[in-house]
Protein backbone atom coordinates (compact mmCIF):
# COMPACT_ATOMS: atom_id res chain seq x y z
CA UNK A 1 3.76 11.33 26.78
CA UNK A 2 4.26 7.60 26.30
CA UNK A 3 0.72 7.33 24.94
CA UNK A 4 1.41 10.08 22.39
CA UNK A 5 4.59 8.25 21.24
CA UNK A 6 2.71 4.96 20.97
CA UNK A 7 0.04 6.67 18.89
CA UNK A 8 2.74 8.19 16.68
CA UNK A 9 4.41 4.80 16.19
CA UNK A 10 1.06 3.16 15.43
CA UNK A 11 0.21 5.81 12.86
CA UNK A 12 3.64 5.45 11.22
CA UNK A 13 3.02 1.73 10.82
CA UNK A 14 -0.63 1.55 9.69
CA UNK A 15 -0.98 4.72 7.61
CA UNK A 16 0.70 3.22 4.50
CA UNK A 17 -1.21 -0.08 4.64
CA UNK A 18 -4.72 1.21 3.90
CA UNK A 19 -5.40 4.88 4.56
CA UNK A 20 -2.40 6.10 2.56
CA UNK A 21 -1.71 2.99 0.46
CA UNK A 22 1.08 3.91 -1.96
CA UNK A 23 -0.61 2.34 -4.99
CA UNK A 24 -4.35 2.51 -4.44
CA UNK A 25 -4.53 5.88 -2.66
CA UNK A 26 -1.51 7.98 -3.60
CA UNK A 27 -1.21 6.18 -6.99
CA UNK A 28 2.63 5.82 -6.91
CA UNK A 29 4.73 3.02 -8.32
CA UNK A 30 2.15 2.11 -10.93
CA UNK A 31 4.58 1.05 -13.69
CA UNK A 32 6.05 -2.01 -11.92
CA UNK A 33 2.68 -2.76 -10.36
CA UNK A 34 1.03 -3.09 -13.78
CA UNK A 35 3.99 -4.80 -15.42
CA UNK A 36 4.83 -7.63 -13.03
CA UNK A 37 1.38 -8.62 -11.73
CA UNK A 38 0.67 -11.28 -14.34
CA UNK A 39 1.89 -13.81 -11.77
CA UNK A 40 0.98 -13.93 -8.10
CA UNK A 41 4.40 -15.35 -7.29
CA UNK A 42 6.19 -12.49 -9.08
CA UNK A 43 4.00 -9.97 -7.27
CA UNK A 44 4.85 -11.45 -3.85
CA UNK A 45 8.56 -11.54 -4.74
CA UNK A 46 8.50 -7.92 -5.92
CA UNK A 47 6.67 -6.89 -2.74
CA UNK A 48 9.26 -8.56 -0.51
CA UNK A 49 12.20 -7.00 -2.34
CA UNK A 50 10.51 -3.59 -2.45
CA UNK A 51 9.78 -3.72 1.30
CA UNK A 52 13.37 -4.64 2.11
CA UNK A 53 14.75 -1.75 0.06
CA UNK A 54 12.24 0.71 1.51
CA UNK A 55 12.90 -0.28 5.11
CA UNK A 56 16.67 -0.26 4.80
CA UNK A 57 16.80 3.06 2.91
CA UNK A 58 14.36 4.70 5.35
CA UNK A 59 16.37 3.59 8.36
CA UNK A 60 19.78 4.64 6.95
CA UNK A 61 18.54 7.98 5.64
CA UNK A 62 16.87 8.74 8.98
CA UNK A 63 20.10 7.85 10.83
CA UNK A 64 22.14 10.13 8.52
CA UNK A 65 19.54 12.91 8.14
CA UNK A 66 21.51 15.43 10.24
CA UNK A 67 24.76 14.71 8.39
CA UNK A 68 23.49 15.06 4.82
CA UNK A 69 23.71 18.65 3.53
CA UNK A 70 20.44 20.01 2.20
CA UNK A 71 22.04 20.81 -1.17
CA UNK A 72 22.82 17.18 -1.93
CA UNK A 73 19.91 15.41 -0.26
CA UNK A 74 18.38 13.91 -3.40
CA UNK A 75 21.67 12.56 -4.86
CA UNK A 76 22.54 11.14 -1.43
CA UNK A 77 19.16 9.42 -1.17
CA UNK A 78 19.63 7.90 -4.64
CA UNK A 79 23.05 6.58 -3.66
CA UNK A 80 21.63 4.97 -0.51
CA UNK A 81 18.71 3.39 -2.38
CA UNK A 82 20.98 2.23 -5.21
CA UNK A 83 23.22 0.48 -2.69
CA UNK A 84 20.38 -1.60 -1.32
CA UNK A 85 18.93 -2.28 -4.78
CA UNK A 86 22.33 -3.58 -5.90
CA UNK A 87 22.48 -5.91 -2.89
CA UNK A 88 18.94 -7.12 -3.66
CA UNK A 89 19.75 -7.71 -7.31
CA UNK A 90 22.88 -9.74 -6.51
CA UNK A 91 21.16 -11.86 -3.88
CA UNK A 92 18.07 -12.43 -6.07
CA UNK A 93 20.10 -13.38 -9.11
CA UNK A 94 22.17 -15.81 -7.09
CA UNK A 95 19.41 -17.52 -5.07
CA UNK A 96 16.13 -16.88 -6.91
CA UNK A 97 17.11 -16.54 -10.59
CA UNK A 98 13.55 -17.14 -11.81
CA UNK A 99 12.36 -14.14 -9.82
CA UNK A 100 15.24 -12.06 -11.11
CA UNK A 101 14.35 -12.94 -14.70
CA UNK A 102 10.67 -12.34 -14.09
CA UNK A 103 11.11 -8.85 -12.63
CA UNK A 104 13.66 -7.82 -15.25
CA UNK A 105 14.38 -4.12 -15.52
CA UNK A 106 11.76 -3.22 -12.90
CA UNK A 107 14.06 -4.52 -10.16
CA UNK A 108 16.78 -2.05 -11.22
CA UNK A 109 14.19 0.75 -11.43
CA UNK A 110 13.67 0.51 -7.67
CA UNK A 111 16.57 2.95 -7.51
CA UNK A 112 14.32 5.72 -8.79
CA UNK A 113 11.00 4.35 -7.49
CA UNK A 114 8.89 7.32 -6.51
CA UNK A 115 7.60 5.61 -3.37
CA UNK A 116 11.10 4.89 -2.00
CA UNK A 117 12.42 8.38 -2.76
CA UNK A 118 9.16 9.96 -1.70
CA UNK A 119 9.24 8.33 1.77
CA UNK A 120 12.89 9.35 2.14
CA UNK A 121 12.08 13.01 1.41
CA UNK A 122 8.68 13.22 3.07
CA UNK A 123 9.27 11.09 6.16
CA UNK A 124 12.70 9.56 6.83
CA UNK A 125 14.62 12.84 6.75
CA UNK A 126 12.20 14.38 9.25
CA UNK A 127 11.67 11.55 11.77
CA UNK A 128 13.64 9.18 13.99
CA UNK A 129 14.97 5.79 13.03
CA UNK A 130 12.25 3.76 14.74
CA UNK A 131 9.38 5.72 13.17
CA UNK A 132 11.13 5.56 9.78
CA UNK A 133 11.46 1.78 10.18
CA UNK A 134 7.74 1.50 10.94
CA UNK A 135 6.93 3.79 8.01
CA UNK A 136 8.95 1.51 5.72
CA UNK A 137 7.20 -1.57 7.06
CA UNK A 138 3.75 -0.05 6.68
CA UNK A 139 4.26 1.31 3.16
CA UNK A 140 6.03 -1.86 2.10
CA UNK A 141 3.16 -4.01 3.34
CA UNK A 142 0.61 -1.71 1.75
CA UNK A 143 2.35 -1.84 -1.64
CA UNK A 144 2.81 -5.60 -1.41
CA UNK A 145 -0.86 -6.06 -0.53
CA UNK A 146 -1.88 -3.95 -3.53
CA UNK A 147 0.41 -6.00 -5.82
CA UNK A 148 -1.02 -9.27 -4.49
CA UNK A 149 -4.63 -8.17 -5.03
CA UNK A 150 -4.00 -7.10 -8.63
CA UNK A 151 -1.93 -10.22 -9.44
CA UNK A 152 -4.47 -12.54 -7.86
CA UNK A 153 -7.31 -11.13 -9.96
CA UNK A 154 -5.22 -10.97 -13.17
CA UNK A 155 -3.81 -14.48 -12.90
CA UNK A 156 -7.20 -16.04 -12.25
CA UNK A 157 -9.01 -14.10 -14.97
CA UNK A 158 -6.12 -14.24 -17.45
CA UNK A 159 -5.09 -17.89 -17.12
CA UNK A 160 -7.96 -19.47 -15.24
CA UNK A 161 -5.61 -21.06 -12.69
CA UNK A 162 -3.27 -20.16 -9.84
CA UNK A 163 0.18 -21.65 -10.34
CA UNK A 164 2.94 -21.97 -7.74
CA UNK A 165 6.52 -23.18 -8.01
CA UNK A 166 7.74 -21.56 -11.23
CA UNK A 167 9.51 -18.78 -9.31
CA UNK A 168 9.89 -20.18 -5.78
CA UNK A 169 11.07 -23.80 -6.10
CA UNK A 170 10.24 -24.60 -2.48
CA UNK A 171 6.53 -24.43 -3.45
CA UNK A 172 6.84 -27.34 -5.83
CA UNK A 173 5.34 -30.71 -4.87
CA UNK A 174 7.33 -33.75 -5.90
CA UNK A 175 9.34 -31.56 -8.25
CA UNK A 176 6.31 -30.28 -10.11
CA UNK A 177 4.51 -26.93 -10.05
CA UNK A 178 1.26 -26.73 -8.08
CA UNK A 179 -1.72 -25.64 -10.21
CA UNK A 180 -5.09 -24.77 -8.75
CA UNK A 181 -7.82 -24.80 -11.42
CA UNK A 182 -10.38 -22.05 -10.87
CA UNK A 183 -11.76 -20.85 -14.22
CA UNK A 184 -10.02 -23.47 -16.30
CA UNK A 185 -10.02 -27.25 -16.05
CA UNK A 186 -10.99 -30.45 -17.81
CA UNK A 187 -13.70 -29.54 -20.30
CA UNK A 188 -14.11 -25.90 -19.38
CA UNK A 189 -12.18 -22.66 -19.81
CA UNK A 190 -13.68 -19.35 -18.72
CA UNK A 191 -10.40 -17.43 -18.63
CA UNK A 192 -10.00 -14.15 -20.59
CA UNK A 193 -6.49 -13.81 -22.01
CA UNK A 194 -6.90 -10.01 -22.13
CA UNK A 195 -6.23 -9.85 -18.38
CA UNK A 196 -2.80 -11.42 -18.87
CA UNK A 197 -1.91 -8.53 -21.18
CA UNK A 198 -0.92 -4.98 -20.26
CA UNK A 199 -4.44 -3.71 -21.11
CA UNK A 200 -5.84 -6.15 -18.55
CA UNK A 201 -3.58 -4.67 -15.87
CA UNK A 202 -5.09 -1.22 -16.51
CA UNK A 203 -8.61 -2.60 -16.37
CA UNK A 204 -8.08 -4.38 -13.07
CA UNK A 205 -6.28 -1.38 -11.58
CA UNK A 206 -9.08 0.93 -12.67
CA UNK A 207 -11.74 -1.35 -11.15
CA UNK A 208 -9.81 -1.52 -7.87
CA UNK A 209 -9.51 2.29 -7.79
CA UNK A 210 -13.25 2.61 -8.46
CA UNK A 211 -14.11 0.21 -5.62
CA UNK A 212 -11.84 2.05 -3.22
CA UNK A 213 -13.36 5.39 -4.27
CA UNK A 214 -16.89 4.10 -3.66
CA UNK A 215 -15.91 2.80 -0.20
CA UNK A 216 -14.17 6.10 0.66
CA UNK A 217 -17.15 8.17 -0.51
CA UNK A 218 -19.58 6.05 1.50
CA UNK A 219 -17.38 6.49 4.55
CA UNK A 220 -17.32 10.26 4.06
CA UNK A 221 -21.11 10.34 3.57
CA UNK A 222 -21.58 8.30 6.75
CA UNK A 223 -19.30 10.65 8.71
CA UNK A 224 -21.11 13.69 7.30
CA UNK A 225 -24.48 12.16 8.28
CA UNK A 226 -23.24 11.51 11.83
CA UNK A 227 -22.02 15.11 12.06
CA UNK A 228 -25.38 16.46 10.76
CA UNK A 229 -27.27 14.29 13.25
CA UNK A 230 -25.05 15.53 16.09
CA UNK A 231 -25.57 19.15 14.99
CA UNK A 232 -29.36 18.66 14.82
CA UNK A 233 -29.40 16.99 18.24
CA UNK A 234 -27.31 19.86 19.69
CA UNK A 235 -29.65 22.44 18.12
CA UNK A 236 -32.76 20.65 19.48
CA UNK A 237 -31.13 20.47 22.93
CA UNK A 238 -30.31 24.17 22.84
CA UNK A 239 -33.87 25.03 21.70
CA UNK A 240 -35.35 22.88 24.49
CA UNK A 241 -33.08 24.52 27.04
CA UNK A 242 -34.04 27.97 25.82
CA UNK A 243 -37.76 27.08 25.97
CA UNK A 244 -37.28 25.75 29.50
CA UNK A 245 -35.59 28.95 30.58
CA UNK A 246 -38.36 31.06 28.99
CA UNK A 247 -41.02 29.00 30.73
CA UNK A 248 -39.23 29.34 34.05
CA UNK A 249 -38.94 33.11 33.55
CA UNK A 250 -42.67 33.40 32.77
CA UNK A 251 -43.60 31.31 35.80
CA UNK A 252 -41.25 33.38 37.99
CA UNK A 253 -42.84 36.60 36.72
CA UNK A 254 -46.34 35.29 37.44
CA UNK A 255 -45.44 34.64 41.06
């Protein structure tokens, strides 16, 4: 029984990270993902805030799931999510104003984010608090990872450098932003400004989706090949056993 529970907890945690990644697999929350991923710092900040809102709303909705009437579930979920989003907005504006300005309206739109509401309806209102917490952590990490990947590629291709410190001041060195030249430096510039534009976000997202689809298809083909090989081996074993039995029957008849 304990092993089953551990397996359940493990699945709740890891499912949203890769196998059911909210952005790359279920294709949810694409608007903020494509809008705020020009900067790696902004993507990390959005991921942290998103994960906090998702975990807190999942836990509270799970704790109250037996008290919320079915007729008002969705409005109740929106109120819960809006409460945590308001807290996040106030704290971010007070302590990380650059991040607040960078995310703009997309921070407020977490109230109706389809991932947050989707996990509330599909998971939190059907499972216990601990599993809902793990589900929030897993999906939050999965979405954050997806944002980081897109932002990393877009910032390098779009600007030619990785810059730190413009949003999170503690990353500055001697009061100045840290800039890592990759495609742009003294005497060379291989950056493509298109990737810093909205069109570039769609291109990068499409390429990521294509790569994931290829990997998933190869995995399915490999699993299918293993199943076919197992079926052929089982058929050959059955045929050999049948031949052995026939041979034994013939030899027994001869005696």
